Every structure is written in C-alpha cells, then in structure tokens.
Amino acid sequence: MRRESTAVNTHLLATEPVVVAMSGGVDSSVAAYLLTKRGHPLVGVAMQVWDYKKNSSENSRATCCSPADFCDARMVASKLDIPFYVVDFEKTFEREVIQRFVETYQRGLTPNPCIDCNSKVKFRELRERARGFGCSTVATGHYARIRKSERGFHLLRGVDRNKDQSYFLYTCRQDELGSTIFPVGEYTKPEIRELAREAGLITANKAESQDICFVAGSVQDFVVTIGGGRGKGRFVSTSGQVLGEHEGIHRFTVGQRRGLHLGGAAEPLYVVGINASTNDVIIGNRDDLKREGFTVHEMHWVSPDLIQAVSEKRFPIERDVVAQVRSRHEGVQARMVARDANTCEIYWSDDWAAVSPGQAAVLYDLNNEELLCGGRIAAL
C-alpha cells in the first residue's frame, strides 16, 4: 500500500504557476501529475539538448530527452490537460556540459555531466525560459526534498535512498531552492510507478534512463569523436616501473580497476593517479588509493547556517560531515575544514573511500540527510 506524502516540498502556494520539466520518463510525468492534483497551473516543457540523429547511432542507448521521449511527454501533458512545449537548449548544453565533459577527460580528470546539466541548464536556462511563460517556479522529477525553516531553505535527500539524486543538486542556490519543487522526492520509486498506473500515464512502466544520457556507445569513444582523445602513454607503477602502454589518459579514471589489461600481478591493480603532463597512468594496489584527506574546490554552500558562516568569514569553518564522493557512494564520515569560501579540506574519520579528481564531493550532515555543501575534488 502506498505511503502518504511527507509534504516537505510544499513551501509554495498551490496557486503558484509552475513550469515542469518533462523528459518523457515516469518521474517527471508523475511530478506533473502530482502538481495538477495540488492545483498548480502548469506548463510542461521538454528540453532539446542534444541532436541524437546527428550524434548517435541507430542503436543508441540514450534514453533521456530523445525525440521518442518528447512524444511520451506530449502524451502525458495531453492526458493531464496542460500545455506542452519543446525548447531548444542545444547550444547551452554543448557549451556547458559536452565541452566540459570532453575537456575534463582530456585533462586526466573525471567529469560529472549530470551536475553541470542541472546547474547550467535545468536550474539556469530553464528558469529563464520559465519567466517567458509567466512562471517564476520550476519543478523537476528529481528524488530530493526541500524544507523551509526560519533560517532559509534546506536541501534533503529523497525518501527513496536508492534513487536519491540530491548529490547532483549541490549547486542550487537559496533563491533557486525557494522557487523549485521536487514532487517525487517524497515517494519511493515503486510508489511513483503505482501513481503513474493509477493516473493512466503512458510512462508508468517505462525503463530507467542511463546516467550519461547523451553517450550512445562508450564514453571513451565519445570523447575521441567529439573532441579528440589524448595520444598513447605509459602505464607506470608507483615505484616508476613501466608496465605497458595505453591508448590515452582520457580512457581512465582514478580508482578504475577493469579494462587495464595488465596481467601477472599477485593482487588486483587500480589506477591510482593520472599525470596529464606526461600522459602516464599510475598503477598500484588498493592501499595506494588510500589518503588521509583531499581538497575540494569550486565550493557551493547550500545549508543556511554554512552560508551565513561563510558570508561572515568565520574561517576556518569546521564540521563533522558525511562525505559522498560518487553518485552511487553511500557516504563516509569525515571532518570538513574550510579555510576560505572556495576551498575546503576533507579528512576521513574511521573509514575512507577512493576519490577521483574532477568528481564531486558532496557533504551531508551526520544523519546523512541534509545536503550542506559540495564542490569538485582537486588534483591529488
């Protein structure tokens, strides 16, 4: 039986007109459905961000924001009796997401395009378009929650921890949180599908989209096709021994174990470092990945309390946190030390996790529920 909503995302009046991002998946479809039930005047918007016909093969695995998805979104909008439009964000997406994705791999770092898409497209470009429809509020199908207090707006994990997407939203500002709704964040995925079936939505049983929606084949081939890969380089051990040759640093990420094709080792081998200046990929064992701490830069402060501390320059700001360093990572307890507004140091407490430069490190409170801040992991 479906559980009742916790009603955390209801900080806006039901009379507030809303632009709802409709990708053609079940989550955004149900987000629109829930908002119609609350009485919000809605405008459905699908974002054309990538020319799949030009950039993907016939067997593309891309399952998000494709022309077929727009057809599904249009049918859902028709079912809900709301206007629906497709808007072209392709230039912004190519500049802010695709180019950064390719260039980051070429520098030997690991990008996270979903974060760039959320911050530069969904929560900037979409909001600008929403004003053209007479709406100051946007809604998406993210599994996250927003709670309002006297101090400001708090970004929380979604109720369904297996689907939680707050990690990708750490760049949200206070003004954006105040004019955003995440309707599905209060539900589990099975509950969302049940709601879709009850409403008779065509997307009720639609398959999940993949993490990197614009990549049709392998990430490595995509980087080469779009921007050109790096030349061949060496596999080098932590002691400096040359172990072999690779096809380019853009094919590797720190922490990677599979696809190295280096035999003869007594224990599993990992990528423990990438030297972009020499094109070397450093190889070691799991213990070589362990570090007492790491640095995070390009910081975004989300918690109202931390925003105030940063604005008042109360450095160093120290806090015990749970640090999540990958999208599928559950998080590990750590100590945060911020010495300025742009940079902080993270020191592991009892356990540790391998970190990949370029990826996001997102920090939560000790209950592992409220998102406090986040940034990019700096080169090690």
Protein backbone atom coordinates (compact mmCIF):
# COMPACT_ATOMS: atom_id res chain seq x y z
CA MET A 1 0.00 0.00 0.00
CA ARG A 2 1.31 3.44 -0.89
CA ARG A 3 2.56 5.60 1.98
CA GLU A 4 1.24 9.13 2.45
CA SER A 5 3.43 12.01 1.31
CA THR A 6 5.58 13.69 3.95
CA ALA A 7 4.72 17.05 2.34
CA VAL A 8 8.21 18.52 2.68
CA ASN A 9 8.21 20.13 -0.79
CA THR A 10 5.09 22.23 -0.23
CA HIS A 11 6.73 25.57 0.56
CA LEU A 12 4.93 27.23 -2.38
CA LEU A 13 1.27 28.14 -2.64
CA ALA A 14 -0.89 25.86 -4.80
CA THR A 15 -1.92 28.90 -6.85
CA GLU A 16 1.68 29.47 -7.96
CA PRO A 17 2.08 28.81 -11.74
CA VAL A 18 4.85 26.28 -12.41
CA VAL A 19 6.95 25.18 -15.38
CA VAL A 20 7.52 21.45 -15.01
CA ALA A 21 10.44 19.85 -16.84
CA MET A 22 9.06 16.80 -18.67
CA SER A 23 11.72 14.45 -20.03
CA GLY A 24 9.28 11.74 -21.07
CA GLY A 25 10.15 9.47 -18.15
CA VAL A 26 7.91 8.26 -15.37
CA ASP A 27 9.40 10.52 -12.68
CA SER A 28 8.78 13.84 -14.45
CA SER A 29 5.39 12.58 -15.63
CA VAL A 30 4.29 11.88 -12.06
CA ALA A 31 5.80 15.19 -10.92
CA ALA A 32 3.42 16.93 -13.32
CA TYR A 33 0.52 14.74 -12.19
CA LEU A 34 1.11 15.48 -8.50
CA LEU A 35 1.27 19.21 -9.18
CA THR A 36 -2.03 19.14 -11.07
CA LYS A 37 -3.58 17.38 -8.07
CA ARG A 38 -2.33 20.22 -5.85
CA GLY A 39 -3.96 22.74 -8.16
CA HIS A 40 -0.90 24.43 -9.66
CA PRO A 41 -1.38 25.98 -13.10
CA LEU A 42 1.23 24.10 -15.16
CA VAL A 43 3.25 24.46 -18.32
CA GLY A 44 5.08 21.32 -19.45
CA VAL A 45 8.49 21.87 -21.04
CA ALA A 46 10.81 19.35 -22.68
CA MET A 47 14.42 20.38 -23.23
CA GLN A 48 16.06 19.62 -26.57
CA VAL A 49 19.69 19.41 -25.51
CA TRP A 50 21.35 17.06 -27.97
CA ASP A 51 20.82 16.12 -31.63
CA TYR A 52 20.56 12.34 -31.28
CA LYS A 53 20.02 11.81 -35.01
CA LYS A 54 23.29 13.57 -35.81
CA ASN A 55 25.39 12.48 -32.86
CA SER A 56 24.16 8.95 -32.04
CA SER A 57 23.99 5.66 -33.86
CA GLU A 58 20.77 3.86 -34.72
CA ASN A 59 21.40 1.57 -31.75
CA SER A 60 21.83 4.47 -29.34
CA ARG A 61 21.42 3.57 -25.68
CA ALA A 62 20.47 7.15 -24.89
CA THR A 63 17.06 7.08 -23.22
CA CYS A 64 16.56 10.61 -21.95
CA CYS A 65 15.35 13.71 -23.80
CA SER A 66 15.30 11.98 -27.19
CA PRO A 67 12.57 12.67 -29.81
CA ALA A 68 10.72 9.50 -28.75
CA ASP A 69 10.77 10.74 -25.16
CA PHE A 70 9.25 14.04 -26.25
CA CYS A 71 6.35 12.12 -27.81
CA ASP A 72 5.74 10.37 -24.50
CA ALA A 73 5.95 13.66 -22.61
CA ARG A 74 3.47 15.26 -25.01
CA MET A 75 1.03 12.39 -24.49
CA VAL A 76 1.31 12.76 -20.70
CA ALA A 77 0.73 16.51 -20.98
CA SER A 78 -2.34 15.87 -23.10
CA LYS A 79 -3.62 13.35 -20.55
CA LEU A 80 -3.18 15.94 -17.78
CA ASP A 81 -4.66 18.69 -19.98
CA ILE A 82 -1.68 21.04 -19.65
CA PRO A 83 0.15 22.99 -22.39
CA PHE A 84 3.41 21.44 -23.58
CA TYR A 85 6.40 22.92 -25.40
CA VAL A 86 9.81 21.71 -26.58
CA VAL A 87 12.53 24.30 -26.10
CA ASP A 88 15.97 24.27 -27.71
CA PHE A 89 18.84 24.31 -25.21
CA GLU A 90 21.30 22.57 -27.51
CA LYS A 91 23.87 25.40 -27.72
CA THR A 92 23.90 25.88 -23.97
CA PHE A 93 24.15 22.14 -23.37
CA GLU A 94 27.01 21.73 -25.82
CA ARG A 95 28.93 24.64 -24.32
CA GLU A 96 28.31 24.00 -20.62
CA VAL A 97 28.03 20.19 -20.50
CA ILE A 98 29.51 18.48 -23.56
CA GLN A 99 32.62 20.65 -23.88
CA ARG A 100 33.40 20.46 -20.17
CA PHE A 101 32.80 16.69 -20.22
CA VAL A 102 35.31 16.15 -23.04
CA GLU A 103 37.89 18.65 -21.81
CA THR A 104 37.83 17.22 -18.29
CA TYR A 105 38.63 13.72 -19.54
CA GLN A 106 41.37 15.13 -21.75
CA ARG A 107 42.98 16.68 -18.64
CA GLY A 108 43.05 13.31 -16.89
CA LEU A 109 40.13 14.17 -14.58
CA THR A 110 36.69 12.60 -14.15
CA PRO A 111 33.70 14.82 -15.04
CA ASN A 112 30.14 14.64 -13.78
CA PRO A 113 27.91 15.95 -16.60
CA CYS A 114 24.66 15.50 -14.65
CA ILE A 115 25.80 18.16 -12.18
CA ASP A 116 26.70 20.56 -14.98
CA CYS A 117 23.36 19.89 -16.70
CA ASN A 118 21.42 20.61 -13.52
CA SER A 119 23.31 23.78 -12.63
CA LYS A 120 23.81 25.30 -16.09
CA VAL A 121 20.74 24.08 -17.98
CA LYS A 122 17.87 22.91 -15.75
CA PHE A 123 18.33 25.46 -12.99
CA ARG A 124 19.55 28.41 -15.04
CA GLU A 125 18.42 28.24 -18.66
CA LEU A 126 15.09 26.59 -17.86
CA ARG A 127 14.34 29.19 -15.20
CA GLU A 128 14.99 31.97 -17.71
CA ARG A 129 12.55 30.36 -20.16
CA ALA A 130 10.01 29.84 -17.38
CA ARG A 131 9.76 33.61 -16.91
CA GLY A 132 8.68 33.85 -20.52
CA PHE A 133 5.71 31.67 -19.63
CA GLY A 134 4.86 33.91 -16.68
CA CYS A 135 6.26 31.41 -14.15
CA SER A 136 8.89 32.05 -11.50
CA THR A 137 8.79 28.46 -10.21
CA VAL A 138 10.13 25.27 -11.83
CA ALA A 139 9.57 21.64 -10.93
CA THR A 140 11.52 18.53 -11.90
CA GLY A 141 11.34 14.80 -11.30
CA HIS A 142 14.43 14.67 -9.07
CA TYR A 143 14.38 12.44 -6.00
CA ALA A 144 15.19 15.16 -3.48
CA ARG A 145 13.28 17.31 -0.99
CA ILE A 146 13.21 20.94 0.09
CA ARG A 147 12.32 22.05 3.60
CA LYS A 148 11.79 25.65 4.64
CA SER A 149 12.79 26.97 8.07
CA GLU A 150 13.20 30.39 9.63
CA ARG A 151 16.84 30.35 8.51
CA GLY A 152 16.16 29.53 4.87
CA PHE A 153 15.75 26.53 2.59
CA HIS A 154 17.26 23.12 3.29
CA LEU A 155 18.00 20.52 0.60
CA LEU A 156 17.36 16.96 1.78
CA ARG A 157 17.88 13.52 0.33
CA GLY A 158 14.89 11.87 -1.32
CA VAL A 159 12.83 9.46 0.77
CA ASP A 160 13.96 6.63 -1.54
CA ARG A 161 17.68 6.42 -0.72
CA ASN A 162 18.24 4.04 -3.63
CA LYS A 163 17.03 6.72 -6.05
CA ASP A 164 18.21 9.84 -4.18
CA GLN A 165 19.56 12.49 -6.60
CA SER A 166 20.45 15.28 -4.18
CA TYR A 167 24.14 14.62 -4.92
CA PHE A 168 23.61 16.18 -8.37
CA LEU A 169 21.93 19.29 -6.94
CA TYR A 170 24.60 20.74 -4.66
CA THR A 171 24.98 23.83 -6.86
CA CYS A 172 21.43 25.02 -6.08
CA ARG A 173 21.33 28.49 -4.56
CA GLN A 174 18.90 29.60 -1.85
CA ASP A 175 16.80 31.63 -4.31
CA GLU A 176 16.59 28.60 -6.61
CA LEU A 177 15.52 26.28 -3.80
CA GLY A 178 12.85 28.81 -2.84
CA SER A 179 11.31 28.64 -6.31
CA THR A 180 11.73 24.92 -7.03
CA ILE A 181 9.54 21.91 -6.32
CA PHE A 182 10.65 18.25 -6.29
CA PRO A 183 7.27 16.46 -6.09
CA VAL A 184 8.56 12.88 -6.38
CA GLY A 185 11.20 13.24 -3.67
CA GLU A 186 8.66 12.35 -1.03
CA TYR A 187 7.97 8.93 -2.58
CA THR A 188 9.77 5.69 -3.40
CA LYS A 189 10.21 4.57 -6.99
CA PRO A 190 7.60 1.77 -6.67
CA GLU A 191 5.14 4.34 -5.30
CA ILE A 192 5.83 6.63 -8.24
CA ARG A 193 5.12 3.82 -10.70
CA GLU A 194 1.93 2.98 -8.83
CA LEU A 195 0.81 6.61 -9.05
CA ALA A 196 1.55 6.62 -12.78
CA ARG A 197 -0.54 3.50 -13.31
CA GLU A 198 -3.39 4.93 -11.25
CA ALA A 199 -3.32 8.08 -13.37
CA GLY A 200 -3.18 6.07 -16.61
CA LEU A 201 0.12 7.62 -17.72
CA ILE A 202 1.85 6.01 -20.70
CA THR A 203 5.23 6.21 -18.92
CA ALA A 204 4.19 4.07 -15.94
CA ASN A 205 6.35 1.09 -16.92
CA LYS A 206 8.99 2.91 -18.93
CA ALA A 207 12.59 1.78 -18.41
CA GLU A 208 15.10 3.87 -16.49
CA SER A 209 17.32 6.31 -18.36
CA GLN A 210 21.06 5.82 -18.25
CA ASP A 211 23.37 8.04 -16.21
CA ILE A 212 25.07 9.76 -19.17
CA CYS A 213 22.10 10.21 -21.47
CA PHE A 214 23.96 11.73 -24.42
CA VAL A 215 26.55 8.96 -24.84
CA ALA A 216 25.42 6.31 -27.33
CA GLY A 217 28.45 3.99 -27.16
CA SER A 218 31.43 4.03 -24.82
CA VAL A 219 32.46 7.20 -23.00
CA GLN A 220 36.00 6.84 -24.37
CA ASP A 221 34.83 6.67 -27.99
CA PHE A 222 32.52 9.63 -27.42
CA VAL A 223 35.42 11.76 -26.13
CA VAL A 224 37.50 10.88 -29.20
CA THR A 225 34.62 11.56 -31.61
CA ILE A 226 33.63 14.90 -30.15
CA GLY A 227 36.93 16.39 -29.05
CA GLY A 228 39.74 14.05 -29.98
CA GLY A 229 41.48 11.86 -27.44
CA ARG A 230 44.93 12.14 -25.93
CA GLY A 231 47.78 10.23 -27.53
CA LYS A 232 49.24 6.98 -26.31
CA GLY A 233 51.03 6.89 -22.99
CA ARG A 234 52.60 4.58 -20.41
CA PHE A 235 51.30 2.55 -17.53
CA VAL A 236 53.75 3.23 -14.70
CA SER A 237 53.88 1.62 -11.25
CA THR A 238 54.04 3.69 -8.07
CA SER A 239 57.77 2.87 -7.97
CA GLY A 240 58.33 4.17 -11.50
CA GLN A 241 58.46 0.87 -13.36
CA VAL A 242 56.96 0.97 -16.86
CA LEU A 243 54.27 -1.73 -17.04
CA GLY A 244 52.96 -1.20 -20.55
CA GLU A 245 51.30 1.21 -22.96
CA HIS A 246 47.76 2.63 -23.08
CA GLU A 247 45.68 4.40 -25.73
CA GLY A 248 45.21 7.72 -23.92
CA ILE A 249 44.57 9.10 -20.43
CA HIS A 250 41.00 10.02 -21.41
CA ARG A 251 40.20 6.30 -21.11
CA PHE A 252 40.94 6.11 -17.38
CA THR A 253 39.81 7.45 -14.04
CA VAL A 254 41.39 7.21 -10.60
CA GLY A 255 40.02 4.18 -8.78
CA GLN A 256 39.42 2.23 -12.00
CA ARG A 257 40.16 -1.49 -11.86
CA ARG A 258 38.67 -3.00 -15.01
CA GLY A 259 39.93 -2.56 -18.53
CA LEU A 260 43.61 -2.17 -17.67
CA HIS A 261 44.67 -5.41 -19.38
CA LEU A 262 47.76 -5.73 -17.24
CA GLY A 263 48.36 -9.34 -16.27
CA GLY A 264 50.77 -11.10 -13.96
CA ALA A 265 50.03 -9.19 -10.76
CA ALA A 266 49.62 -11.05 -7.46
CA GLU A 267 46.75 -8.76 -6.40
CA PRO A 268 44.20 -6.56 -8.21
CA LEU A 269 45.61 -3.44 -9.88
CA TYR A 270 43.99 0.01 -9.85
CA VAL A 271 44.53 3.38 -11.46
CA VAL A 272 45.88 5.40 -8.52
CA GLY A 273 46.90 8.52 -10.41
CA ILE A 274 46.95 10.22 -13.81
CA ASN A 275 49.73 12.58 -14.90
CA ALA A 276 48.29 14.71 -17.71
CA SER A 277 51.63 16.42 -18.43
CA THR A 278 53.44 13.14 -19.17
CA ASN A 279 50.43 11.07 -20.31
CA ASP A 280 51.28 8.48 -17.65
CA VAL A 281 48.65 6.39 -15.87
CA ILE A 282 49.93 5.40 -12.42
CA ILE A 283 49.11 1.84 -11.36
CA GLY A 284 49.05 0.45 -7.82
CA ASN A 285 47.08 -1.69 -5.41
CA ARG A 286 44.00 -0.72 -3.40
CA ASP A 287 46.04 0.56 -0.46
CA ASP A 288 47.72 3.05 -2.80
CA LEU A 289 44.31 4.71 -3.26
CA LYS A 290 44.03 5.42 0.45
CA ARG A 291 44.60 9.01 1.56
CA GLU A 292 44.05 10.72 4.88
CA GLY A 293 42.27 13.53 3.13
CA PHE A 294 41.78 15.55 -0.04
CA THR A 295 40.94 19.07 -1.20
CA VAL A 296 37.66 20.25 -2.68
CA HIS A 297 37.42 23.50 -4.66
CA GLU A 298 34.70 25.37 -6.60
CA MET A 299 32.64 25.18 -3.43
CA HIS A 300 28.88 25.76 -3.32
CA TRP A 301 27.33 26.39 0.10
CA VAL A 302 23.74 25.15 0.46
CA SER A 303 22.97 24.96 4.20
CA PRO A 304 21.65 28.32 5.51
CA ASP A 305 23.89 28.03 8.58
CA LEU A 306 27.02 27.50 6.49
CA ILE A 307 26.05 30.25 4.06
CA GLN A 308 25.89 32.66 7.00
CA ALA A 309 29.21 31.44 8.40
CA VAL A 310 30.88 31.91 5.01
CA SER A 311 29.33 35.37 4.49
CA GLU A 312 30.64 36.41 7.91
CA LYS A 313 34.06 34.91 7.06
CA ARG A 314 34.18 32.82 10.21
CA PHE A 315 37.11 30.77 8.91
CA PRO A 316 38.23 28.17 9.50
CA ILE A 317 34.79 26.57 9.42
CA GLU A 318 34.96 23.03 10.78
CA ARG A 319 32.21 20.44 10.77
CA ASP A 320 31.83 16.67 11.11
CA VAL A 321 30.07 15.51 7.95
CA VAL A 322 29.23 12.54 5.78
CA ALA A 323 31.17 12.86 2.50
CA GLN A 324 29.74 11.34 -0.66
CA VAL A 325 32.33 11.18 -3.44
CA ARG A 326 30.44 9.34 -6.21
CA SER A 327 26.84 9.22 -7.33
CA ARG A 328 26.43 5.63 -6.07
CA HIS A 329 28.51 6.14 -2.93
CA GLU A 330 26.66 5.87 0.39
CA GLY A 331 28.98 8.34 2.07
CA VAL A 332 31.70 8.10 4.73
CA GLN A 333 32.08 10.17 7.89
CA ALA A 334 34.75 12.84 7.65
CA ARG A 335 35.89 16.20 9.03
CA MET A 336 35.43 19.29 6.86
CA VAL A 337 37.79 22.25 7.29
CA ALA A 338 37.02 25.31 5.15
CA ARG A 339 39.73 27.98 5.14
CA ASP A 340 38.03 30.24 2.58
CA ALA A 341 34.79 30.43 0.59
CA ASN A 342 36.08 28.49 -2.41
CA THR A 343 38.07 25.63 -0.89
CA CYS A 344 37.80 23.10 1.90
CA GLU A 345 39.80 20.13 3.10
CA ILE A 346 38.20 16.78 3.87
CA TYR A 347 39.80 14.36 6.33
CA TRP A 348 38.44 10.83 6.69
CA SER A 349 37.36 9.72 10.14
CA ASP A 350 37.09 5.96 10.74
CA ASP A 351 36.68 4.71 7.17
CA TRP A 352 37.78 6.00 3.76
CA ALA A 353 36.81 5.96 0.11
CA ALA A 354 38.80 6.30 -3.10
CA VAL A 355 38.43 9.75 -4.66
CA SER A 356 38.66 10.72 -8.33
CA PRO A 357 39.85 14.26 -9.15
CA GLY A 358 37.20 16.15 -11.10
CA GLN A 359 34.31 14.30 -9.50
CA ALA A 360 32.04 15.99 -6.97
CA ALA A 361 32.42 15.65 -3.22
CA VAL A 362 29.08 16.44 -1.59
CA LEU A 363 28.85 16.85 2.17
CA TYR A 364 25.82 15.96 4.30
CA ASP A 365 25.01 16.28 8.00
CA LEU A 366 25.80 13.37 10.31
CA ASN A 367 22.28 12.00 9.81
CA ASN A 368 23.23 11.72 6.12
CA GLU A 369 20.03 13.56 5.20
CA GLU A 370 20.62 17.30 4.73
CA LEU A 371 23.00 18.44 2.00
CA LEU A 372 25.37 21.04 3.42
CA CYS A 373 27.71 21.94 0.57
CA GLY A 374 29.76 20.47 -2.26
CA GLY A 375 32.50 21.05 -4.79
CA ARG A 376 34.93 19.41 -7.19
CA ILE A 377 37.72 17.15 -5.98
CA ALA A 378 41.03 18.82 -6.75
CA ALA A 379 44.02 17.07 -8.31
CA LEU A 380 45.69 14.82 -5.77
